Protein backbone atom coordinates (compact mmCIF):
# COMPACT_ATOMS: atom_id res chain seq x y z
CA MET A 1 218.53 -134.52 180.81
CA PRO A 2 221.07 -131.86 179.75
CA LEU A 3 221.40 -131.18 176.04
CA TYR A 4 225.10 -132.07 175.91
CA THR A 5 224.41 -135.43 177.58
CA VAL A 6 221.73 -136.24 175.02
CA LYS A 7 224.08 -135.32 172.18
CA LEU A 8 226.85 -137.46 173.66
CA LEU A 9 224.57 -140.49 173.96
CA ALA A 10 223.36 -139.92 170.41
CA ILE A 11 226.82 -139.89 168.85
CA VAL A 12 227.87 -142.96 170.86
CA ALA A 13 224.80 -144.82 169.61
CA ALA A 14 225.47 -143.78 166.00
CA ALA A 15 229.11 -144.88 166.18
CA SER A 16 228.13 -148.22 167.74
CA VAL A 17 225.59 -148.97 165.02
CA ALA A 18 228.17 -148.11 162.35
CA LEU A 19 230.69 -150.54 163.83
CA LEU A 20 228.00 -153.21 164.14
CA GLY A 21 227.08 -152.91 160.47
CA LEU A 22 230.72 -153.13 159.41
CA TRP A 23 231.24 -156.17 161.63
CA ALA A 24 228.21 -157.90 160.09
CA ALA A 25 229.57 -157.32 156.57
CA LYS A 26 232.94 -158.72 157.61
CA GLU A 27 231.35 -161.86 159.05
CA VAL A 28 229.29 -162.42 155.91
CA GLY A 29 232.47 -162.10 153.87
CA ARG A 30 234.18 -164.78 155.97
CA ILE A 31 231.49 -167.34 155.24
CA LYS A 32 232.68 -169.47 152.34
CA MET A 33 229.40 -169.10 150.47
CA PRO A 34 229.91 -166.99 147.33
CA LEU A 35 226.19 -166.89 146.60
CA LEU A 36 225.40 -165.47 150.05
CA PHE A 37 228.00 -162.75 149.66
CA SER A 38 226.79 -162.02 146.13
CA VAL A 39 223.23 -161.60 147.41
CA SER A 40 224.57 -159.30 150.14
CA GLN A 41 226.29 -157.21 147.48
CA ALA A 42 223.04 -157.02 145.53
CA PHE A 43 221.29 -155.74 148.65
CA THR A 44 224.10 -153.21 149.03
CA ALA A 45 223.62 -152.01 145.46
CA GLY A 46 219.92 -151.41 146.08
CA VAL A 47 220.69 -149.47 149.26
CA LEU A 48 223.26 -147.23 147.57
CA PHE A 49 221.09 -146.65 144.51
CA ALA A 50 218.17 -145.51 146.65
CA ALA A 51 220.45 -143.47 148.94
CA GLY A 52 221.73 -141.49 145.98
CA LEU A 53 218.54 -141.17 143.96
CA CYS A 54 215.82 -141.00 146.62
CA HIS A 55 217.64 -139.48 149.56
CA MET A 56 220.75 -137.39 149.00
CA LEU A 57 219.98 -135.87 145.59
CA PRO A 58 216.44 -134.73 146.53
CA ASP A 59 217.83 -133.29 149.76
CA ALA A 60 220.48 -131.37 147.85
CA VAL A 61 217.93 -130.07 145.34
CA GLY A 62 215.55 -128.95 148.08
CA GLU A 63 218.25 -127.21 150.10
CA LEU A 64 219.69 -125.36 147.10
CA VAL A 65 216.24 -124.34 145.85
CA ASP A 66 215.48 -122.92 149.29
CA THR A 67 218.83 -121.14 149.32
CA TYR A 68 218.20 -119.42 145.99
CA VAL A 69 214.43 -119.03 146.39
CA ASP A 70 214.68 -115.23 146.47
CA SER A 71 216.73 -115.01 143.26
CA GLN A 72 216.78 -118.02 140.93
CA PRO A 73 215.34 -121.17 142.51
CA GLN A 74 215.81 -123.14 139.28
CA TYR A 75 219.53 -122.48 139.58
CA GLY A 76 219.58 -124.43 142.82
CA ALA A 77 218.08 -127.53 141.18
CA LEU A 78 220.45 -127.20 138.22
CA LEU A 79 223.47 -126.90 140.52
CA ALA A 80 222.50 -130.01 142.50
CA CYS A 81 221.87 -132.22 139.47
CA THR A 82 224.99 -130.98 137.69
CA SER A 83 227.12 -131.67 140.75
CA ALA A 84 225.79 -135.24 140.95
CA ALA A 85 226.43 -135.80 137.24
CA MET A 86 229.96 -134.41 137.55
CA ALA A 87 230.75 -136.83 140.38
CA PHE A 88 229.36 -139.73 138.32
CA LEU A 89 231.37 -138.80 135.22
CA PHE A 90 234.50 -138.03 137.23
CA LEU A 91 234.56 -141.53 138.68
CA LEU A 92 233.91 -143.00 135.24
CA CYS A 93 236.84 -141.04 133.81
CA ILE A 94 239.12 -142.20 136.62
CA GLU A 95 238.21 -145.84 135.96
CA GLU A 96 238.76 -145.56 132.22
CA ILE A 97 242.09 -143.75 132.62
CA VAL A 98 243.42 -146.30 135.10
CA SER A 99 242.23 -149.15 132.88
CA ALA A 100 243.88 -147.58 129.82
CA LEU A 101 247.19 -147.28 131.66
CA LEU A 102 247.29 -151.01 132.35
CA PRO A 103 249.51 -152.93 129.91
CA ALA A 104 247.66 -154.78 127.17
CA SER A 105 247.78 -158.53 127.36
CA THR A 106 249.66 -160.34 124.60
CA ALA A 107 249.40 -163.72 126.27
CA VAL A 108 247.85 -166.83 124.79
CA PRO A 109 244.04 -166.70 125.06
CA HIS A 110 242.71 -168.49 128.15
CA SER A 111 246.21 -168.91 129.55
CA GLU A 112 247.20 -168.15 133.12
CA ALA A 113 249.08 -165.01 132.03
CA ALA A 114 246.09 -163.69 130.09
CA CYS A 115 243.80 -164.24 133.04
CA VAL A 116 246.16 -162.47 135.45
CA THR A 117 245.94 -159.36 133.28
CA TYR A 118 242.19 -159.72 133.15
CA LYS A 119 241.94 -160.05 136.93
CA THR A 120 243.82 -156.77 137.22
CA GLN A 121 241.34 -154.98 134.97
CA PHE A 122 238.13 -156.59 136.19
CA PRO A 123 237.90 -154.86 139.62
CA ILE A 124 238.16 -151.51 137.82
CA LEU A 125 235.65 -152.29 135.10
CA PRO A 126 233.47 -155.18 136.31
CA ARG A 127 230.87 -154.41 133.65
CA LYS A 128 233.28 -155.89 131.08
CA GLU A 129 232.15 -159.31 132.28
CA LEU A 130 228.80 -158.76 130.56
CA VAL A 131 230.21 -157.90 127.17
CA GLY A 132 232.10 -159.96 124.67
CA PRO A 133 234.74 -160.67 123.76
CA HIS A 134 235.80 -161.84 127.17
CA GLY A 135 238.37 -159.85 129.11
CA CYS A 136 240.89 -162.67 129.08
CA CYS A 137 241.27 -162.01 125.34
CA GLU A 138 239.53 -164.83 123.56
CA ASP A 139 241.08 -165.74 120.25
CA GLU A 140 239.92 -163.63 117.33
CA ASP A 141 239.23 -166.81 115.37
CA PRO A 142 235.83 -168.07 116.58
CA ASN A 143 236.84 -171.60 115.63
CA ASP A 144 239.51 -171.49 118.35
CA SER A 145 237.40 -169.76 120.96
CA CYS A 146 236.37 -171.36 124.20
CA CYS A 147 232.68 -171.12 123.37
CA GLU A 148 233.33 -172.99 120.12
CA ALA A 149 234.98 -175.70 122.20
CA ILE A 150 231.86 -175.86 124.33
CA ASP A 151 229.71 -176.24 121.22
CA ASN A 152 231.88 -179.13 120.06
CA ARG A 153 231.71 -180.68 123.52
CA ASN A 154 227.92 -180.39 123.58
CA ALA A 155 227.70 -182.13 120.23
CA LYS A 156 229.90 -184.93 121.57
CA GLU A 157 227.73 -185.26 124.68
CA GLU A 158 224.61 -185.52 122.55
CA GLU A 159 226.23 -188.32 120.56
CA ASP A 160 227.10 -190.11 123.81
CA GLY A 161 223.51 -189.78 125.01
CA VAL A 162 224.06 -187.14 127.70
CA VAL A 163 220.66 -185.57 128.40
CA GLN A 164 221.80 -182.16 129.64
CA PRO A 165 224.95 -180.91 127.93
CA LEU A 166 226.77 -177.90 129.30
CA LEU A 167 225.30 -174.67 127.96
CA PRO A 168 227.11 -171.64 129.39
CA ARG A 169 225.25 -168.36 129.57
CA TYR A 170 228.23 -166.13 130.34
CA HIS A 171 231.79 -165.93 129.08
CA ASN A 172 233.16 -166.44 132.59
CA GLU A 173 231.87 -170.02 132.44
CA CYS A 174 234.30 -170.71 129.59
CA CYS A 175 237.62 -169.95 131.24
CA PRO A 176 239.11 -172.32 133.84
CA VAL A 177 240.93 -169.54 135.70
CA HIS A 178 238.02 -167.18 136.25
CA GLU A 179 235.14 -167.30 138.67
CA HIS A 180 232.81 -170.12 137.61
CA ASP A 181 229.26 -171.17 138.03
CA HIS A 182 228.53 -174.90 138.16
CA VAL A 183 230.70 -176.57 135.52
CA HIS A 184 230.50 -180.20 134.40
CA HIS A 185 233.62 -182.31 134.00
CA HIS A 186 234.10 -185.87 132.76
CA HIS A 187 236.63 -187.96 134.61
CA GLY A 188 237.56 -191.61 134.56
CA SER A 189 237.66 -192.67 138.17
CA HIS A 190 238.42 -189.58 140.25
CA SER A 191 237.20 -185.97 140.32
CA THR A 192 239.62 -183.10 140.74
CA ASP A 193 239.29 -179.33 140.74
CA LYS A 194 242.68 -178.72 139.19
CA VAL A 195 242.53 -177.55 135.60
CA ASP A 196 245.38 -176.97 133.22
CA PRO A 197 245.07 -173.26 132.32
CA GLU A 198 246.82 -173.80 128.99
CA GLU A 199 244.39 -176.53 127.93
CA PRO A 200 240.82 -175.77 126.79
CA LEU A 201 238.42 -176.35 129.63
CA LEU A 202 236.23 -178.73 127.66
CA GLY A 203 238.74 -180.12 125.20
CA GLN A 204 239.04 -183.54 126.82
CA HIS A 205 236.92 -186.62 126.14
CA HIS A 206 236.10 -188.88 129.08
CA HIS A 207 233.51 -191.49 129.88
CA HIS A 208 231.78 -190.77 133.16
CA HIS A 209 229.75 -187.68 134.00
CA HIS A 210 230.25 -185.92 137.30
CA HIS A 211 229.01 -182.59 138.60
CA LEU A 212 231.73 -180.42 140.02
CA GLN A 213 231.49 -176.93 141.42
CA LEU A 214 234.74 -175.08 140.91
CA LYS A 215 236.00 -172.89 143.71
CA HIS A 216 235.26 -169.21 143.36
CA MET A 217 238.49 -167.32 143.00
CA VAL A 218 238.98 -163.97 144.72
CA LEU A 219 239.93 -161.32 142.23
CA LYS A 220 242.65 -159.11 143.64
CA ALA A 221 244.37 -156.24 141.90
CA GLY A 222 246.19 -154.32 144.62
CA PRO A 223 245.40 -150.59 144.71
CA CYS A 224 243.28 -150.83 141.55
CA ALA A 225 240.73 -153.07 143.25
CA GLU A 226 240.29 -150.54 146.05
CA ILE A 227 239.34 -147.54 143.91
CA GLY A 228 235.60 -148.12 144.14
CA ALA A 229 235.75 -149.05 147.82
CA MET A 230 237.80 -145.99 148.74
CA THR A 231 235.48 -143.70 146.80
CA LEU A 232 232.50 -145.18 148.57
CA PHE A 233 234.33 -144.89 151.90
CA ILE A 234 234.98 -141.17 151.36
CA ALA A 235 231.41 -140.49 150.26
CA LEU A 236 229.82 -142.39 153.14
CA SER A 237 232.22 -140.83 155.65
CA PHE A 238 231.26 -137.38 154.42
CA HIS A 239 227.61 -138.35 154.67
CA SER A 240 228.22 -139.42 158.26
CA VAL A 241 229.70 -136.01 159.01
CA MET A 242 226.64 -134.36 157.46
CA GLU A 243 224.38 -136.50 159.64
CA GLY A 244 226.34 -135.44 162.69
CA LEU A 245 225.69 -131.80 161.86
CA GLY A 246 222.00 -132.40 162.53
CA ILE A 247 222.79 -133.62 166.04
CA GLY A 248 225.32 -130.91 166.81
CA SER A 249 223.11 -128.07 165.59
CA ALA A 250 220.11 -129.11 167.73
CA THR A 251 219.12 -126.47 170.28
CA HIS A 252 216.81 -128.65 172.41
CA ALA A 253 217.08 -132.22 173.65
CA TRP A 254 213.79 -133.26 172.06
CA GLU A 255 215.14 -132.23 168.62
CA VAL A 256 217.85 -134.88 168.84
CA VAL A 257 215.48 -137.87 169.12
CA PRO A 258 213.93 -137.84 165.60
CA VAL A 259 217.28 -136.99 164.03
CA LEU A 260 218.98 -139.84 165.89
CA THR A 261 216.26 -142.32 164.90
CA ALA A 262 216.72 -141.51 161.23
CA ILE A 263 220.51 -141.63 161.53
CA LEU A 264 220.52 -145.05 163.21
CA ALA A 265 218.21 -146.56 160.60
CA HIS A 266 220.32 -145.20 157.77
CA LYS A 267 223.66 -145.87 159.45
CA ALA A 268 223.09 -149.61 159.73
CA LEU A 269 222.44 -150.00 155.99
CA ALA A 270 225.24 -147.63 154.98
CA ALA A 271 227.77 -149.38 157.23
CA PHE A 272 226.84 -152.79 155.82
CA ALA A 273 227.14 -151.43 152.28
CA LEU A 274 230.58 -150.01 153.01
CA GLY A 275 231.68 -153.21 154.72
CA CYS A 276 230.69 -155.36 151.74
CA SER A 277 232.59 -153.04 149.41
CA LEU A 278 235.73 -153.17 151.57
CA VAL A 279 235.55 -156.96 151.88
CA GLU A 280 235.17 -157.30 148.13
CA SER A 281 238.26 -155.13 147.56
CA SER A 282 240.25 -157.55 149.76
CA VAL A 283 241.72 -154.93 152.10
CA SER A 284 243.76 -156.27 155.00
CA GLY A 285 242.21 -156.77 158.42
CA VAL A 286 244.18 -153.86 159.89
CA ARG A 287 243.07 -151.45 157.16
CA TYR A 288 239.50 -152.66 157.48
CA PHE A 289 239.64 -151.88 161.20
CA VAL A 290 241.11 -148.41 160.57
CA PHE A 291 238.50 -147.59 157.92
CA SER A 292 235.78 -148.77 160.29
CA LEU A 293 236.98 -146.45 163.04
CA ILE A 294 237.19 -143.49 160.67
CA PHE A 295 233.70 -144.12 159.32
CA ALA A 296 232.26 -144.54 162.82
CA ALA A 297 233.90 -141.27 163.86
CA GLY A 298 232.15 -139.35 161.08
CA THR A 299 228.96 -138.64 163.03
CA PRO A 300 230.78 -137.49 166.21
CA ILE A 301 232.98 -135.19 164.13
CA GLY A 302 229.93 -133.77 162.38
CA ALA A 303 228.20 -133.23 165.72
CA LEU A 304 231.27 -131.36 166.95
CA PHE A 305 231.32 -129.13 163.87
CA GLY A 306 227.59 -128.51 164.18
CA ASN A 307 227.91 -127.54 167.80
CA ILE A 308 230.82 -125.19 167.02
CA GLY A 309 228.92 -123.63 164.14
CA LEU A 310 225.86 -123.18 166.34
CA SER A 311 227.84 -121.21 168.88
CA SER A 312 230.11 -119.25 166.52
CA GLY A 313 227.66 -118.14 163.83
CA GLY A 314 228.88 -117.23 160.29
CA SER A 315 227.45 -117.03 156.78
CA ALA A 316 224.43 -119.29 156.75
CA HIS A 317 224.09 -118.98 152.96
CA ASP A 318 227.60 -120.18 152.16
CA ALA A 319 227.36 -123.02 154.65
CA ALA A 320 224.04 -124.19 153.20
CA VAL A 321 225.35 -124.12 149.61
CA PHE A 322 228.52 -126.00 150.54
CA THR A 323 226.64 -128.70 152.43
CA ALA A 324 224.06 -129.19 149.67
CA VAL A 325 226.66 -129.39 146.89
CA CYS A 326 228.62 -131.98 148.85
CA LYS A 327 225.44 -134.02 149.27
CA ALA A 328 224.87 -133.87 145.51
CA LEU A 329 228.44 -135.00 144.84
CA ALA A 330 227.99 -137.90 147.24
CA SER A 331 224.74 -138.89 145.51
CA GLY A 332 226.51 -139.08 142.15
CA THR A 333 229.14 -141.28 143.75
CA PHE A 334 226.50 -143.65 145.13
CA LEU A 335 224.79 -143.91 141.75
CA GLN A 336 228.03 -144.63 139.91
CA VAL A 337 229.28 -147.24 142.37
CA SER A 338 225.97 -149.09 142.53
CA SER A 339 224.98 -149.01 138.86
CA MET A 340 228.35 -149.45 137.14
CA GLU A 341 230.45 -151.38 139.65
CA ILE A 342 228.40 -153.52 142.01
CA ILE A 343 225.37 -154.48 139.89
CA PRO A 344 227.31 -155.63 136.78
CA LYS A 345 229.62 -157.76 138.89
CA VAL A 346 226.75 -159.30 140.85
CA PHE A 347 224.91 -160.35 137.70
CA ALA A 348 228.03 -161.55 135.87
CA SER A 349 227.16 -164.97 137.27
CA ALA A 350 223.84 -166.65 136.55
CA GLU A 351 223.82 -168.41 139.92
CA GLY A 352 221.06 -167.19 142.24
CA ARG A 353 219.88 -164.54 139.81
CA PHE A 354 216.35 -164.47 141.27
CA TRP A 355 217.58 -163.98 144.85
CA LYS A 356 220.01 -161.28 143.80
CA LEU A 357 217.23 -159.42 142.02
CA ILE A 358 215.03 -159.69 145.10
CA ALA A 359 217.91 -158.44 147.26
CA ILE A 360 218.33 -155.34 145.09
CA LEU A 361 214.62 -154.57 145.27
CA VAL A 362 214.53 -155.07 149.05
CA GLY A 363 217.59 -152.87 149.56
CA PHE A 364 216.18 -150.16 147.34
CA GLY A 365 212.77 -150.31 148.99
CA ALA A 366 214.23 -150.17 152.50
CA MET A 367 216.38 -147.11 151.81
CA ALA A 368 213.69 -145.37 149.75
CA THR A 369 211.23 -145.84 152.62
CA LEU A 370 213.73 -144.47 155.13
CA ALA A 371 214.19 -141.43 152.89
CA LEU A 372 210.68 -140.34 153.87
CA TRP A 373 211.92 -139.62 157.41
CA ILE A 374 215.62 -138.86 156.90
């Protein structure tokens, strides 16, 4: 089979797998099962963490060390690690700057207005969910705080003979406007999921005990919520272009097969990770479709560039350094997105903690294993 035909089939297969992974993430996001989507995000975090730490960064270090092997090989390793750290810190700075520019909330603690401000900040800094005081600005007086109200409610339940009073583990279980785990309510004759945002969640005294699972609210913050997803989109798209270079630079048909196998295995996980991130950022269906097409086109574009570079020649040293540095930058992006954006948000809720932990380990193990052949 002619070399160009093999390359064409390879890039079509890579693009198809990318679209399939994005479609799967979209379908998972449509299922009204927050725990399932949260577990999927945990799997995504493991994939990205391993992709940055076990795949892209070692590749960048190896390529730069080989490039500077005749002069200062240690400089190559230093350049790769520094580039990854710069990407990590750059994204962190962007998040903090954007968060600092948001107006401070002066609303009543646990009110609707306070929670709207919080929902604007949370997609930028999801790790805030794990630290107190809560982002919806709990009252400075602990006697007026929501958790104090829960303590009072628990004492009342014990007096009434309730065996298992409500004991929240996270601040987000205190506020009626935020995403909740299973919350207990006491109602007279009917159960309802409507809560007065101005009234303490557990400040009412009723007689009958019912178990009610509040609906998980989607946190939207316009462009702010898309910062992490867009960064991940750019990094993964660049990585797709780099993968395509391996196909385009092949000089024999048999060289394409192992490269394509590695690309397909990696592409499926990367596409699913990107899809989950885009779904979480609540982009519109049209934009999701456009981003999917751009990401799927990354490998064909890279193959085109590789084929052009193969036939035109040029400075091999400069090209190798540029490619390796870009890989290192992408690895820093993966590490930042997974460790400081996805993982904190996934574990902000205690629901399904064991399955989310397993999902992270499985995602990390799968990508780390693939790194042996990619």
